[in-house]
């Protein structure tokens, strides 16, 4: 999906919405780390300027939700903090 954004086949807004919806269910540490990095790039470089502030807040809230779940592994919490 990230490549689709780079190839202009998917909008940055659609990608961001997909990540926000699905990130909490991700259980693989490396995938989570990649998604966090890519989503940070989406917010900073691809989303329209008028949507960036709200997107940062949503992204932070999503990461906080994941980190605060008692079932989230210690390694995933570390990846979020990185």
Protein backbone atom coordinates (compact mmCIF):
# COMPACT_ATOMS: atom_id res chain seq x y z
CA UNK A 1 0.00 0.00 0.00
CA UNK A 2 2.87 2.37 0.74
CA UNK A 3 4.16 1.85 -2.78
CA UNK A 4 0.72 2.68 -4.16
CA UNK A 5 0.90 6.07 -2.47
CA UNK A 6 4.33 6.67 -3.96
CA UNK A 7 3.01 5.66 -7.38
CA UNK A 8 -0.07 7.94 -6.97
CA UNK A 9 -2.42 4.96 -7.13
CA UNK A 10 -3.72 5.56 -3.60
CA UNK A 11 -4.28 8.87 -1.90
CA UNK A 12 -2.28 9.75 1.17
CA UNK A 13 -5.54 10.31 3.02
CA UNK A 14 -6.80 6.81 2.19
CA UNK A 15 -3.51 5.28 3.29
CA UNK A 16 -3.54 7.23 6.55
CA UNK A 17 -7.14 6.21 7.28
CA UNK A 18 -6.28 2.57 6.58
CA UNK A 19 -3.30 2.66 8.95
CA UNK A 20 -5.24 4.35 11.73
CA UNK A 21 -8.00 1.77 11.41
CA UNK A 22 -5.69 -1.27 11.36
CA UNK A 23 -2.54 -0.38 13.27
CA UNK A 24 -3.94 -1.46 16.64
CA UNK A 25 -4.37 -5.02 15.38
CA UNK A 26 -0.77 -5.32 14.12
CA UNK A 27 1.21 -7.87 16.11
CA UNK A 28 4.50 -8.00 14.22
CA UNK A 29 7.17 -5.69 15.62
CA UNK A 30 8.98 -5.00 12.36
CA UNK A 31 5.75 -4.31 10.50
CA UNK A 32 4.63 -1.95 13.25
CA UNK A 33 7.96 -0.14 13.13
CA UNK A 34 7.69 0.26 9.35
CA UNK A 35 4.11 1.47 9.56
CA UNK A 36 5.01 4.05 12.20
CA UNK A 37 7.87 5.35 10.04
CA UNK A 38 5.80 5.42 6.87
CA UNK A 39 2.83 7.04 8.55
CA UNK A 40 5.08 9.75 9.96
CA UNK A 41 6.26 10.41 6.41
CA UNK A 42 2.70 10.42 5.09
CA UNK A 43 1.70 13.04 7.64
CA UNK A 44 4.72 15.27 7.06
CA UNK A 45 5.14 15.03 3.31
CA UNK A 46 1.99 13.74 1.64
CA UNK A 47 -1.10 14.87 3.52
CA UNK A 48 -2.52 18.29 2.70
CA UNK A 49 -1.25 20.91 5.14
CA UNK A 50 -4.72 21.56 6.54
CA UNK A 51 -5.02 17.89 7.59
CA UNK A 52 -1.59 17.40 9.14
CA UNK A 53 -2.33 18.68 12.65
CA UNK A 54 -5.43 16.51 13.08
CA UNK A 55 -3.58 13.54 11.60
CA UNK A 56 -0.72 13.94 14.09
CA UNK A 57 -3.22 13.96 16.94
CA UNK A 58 -4.99 10.87 15.61
CA UNK A 59 -1.70 9.06 15.09
CA UNK A 60 -0.49 9.91 18.60
CA UNK A 61 -3.80 8.76 20.11
CA UNK A 62 -3.60 5.48 18.17
CA UNK A 63 -0.03 4.82 19.31
CA UNK A 64 -0.95 5.69 22.89
CA UNK A 65 -3.89 3.29 22.72
CA UNK A 66 -1.64 0.49 21.48
CA UNK A 67 1.06 1.16 24.08
CA UNK A 68 -1.43 1.27 26.94
CA UNK A 69 -3.12 -2.05 26.16
CA UNK A 70 -2.07 -4.69 28.70
CA UNK A 71 -1.89 -7.30 25.93
CA UNK A 72 0.64 -5.33 23.86
CA UNK A 73 4.04 -6.97 23.99
CA UNK A 74 6.96 -5.19 25.59
CA UNK A 75 8.84 -5.26 22.27
CA UNK A 76 6.01 -3.52 20.43
CA UNK A 77 5.84 -0.88 23.16
CA UNK A 78 9.56 -0.29 22.67
CA UNK A 79 9.06 0.12 18.91
CA UNK A 80 6.38 2.73 19.53
CA UNK A 81 8.60 4.65 21.93
CA UNK A 82 11.48 4.62 19.42
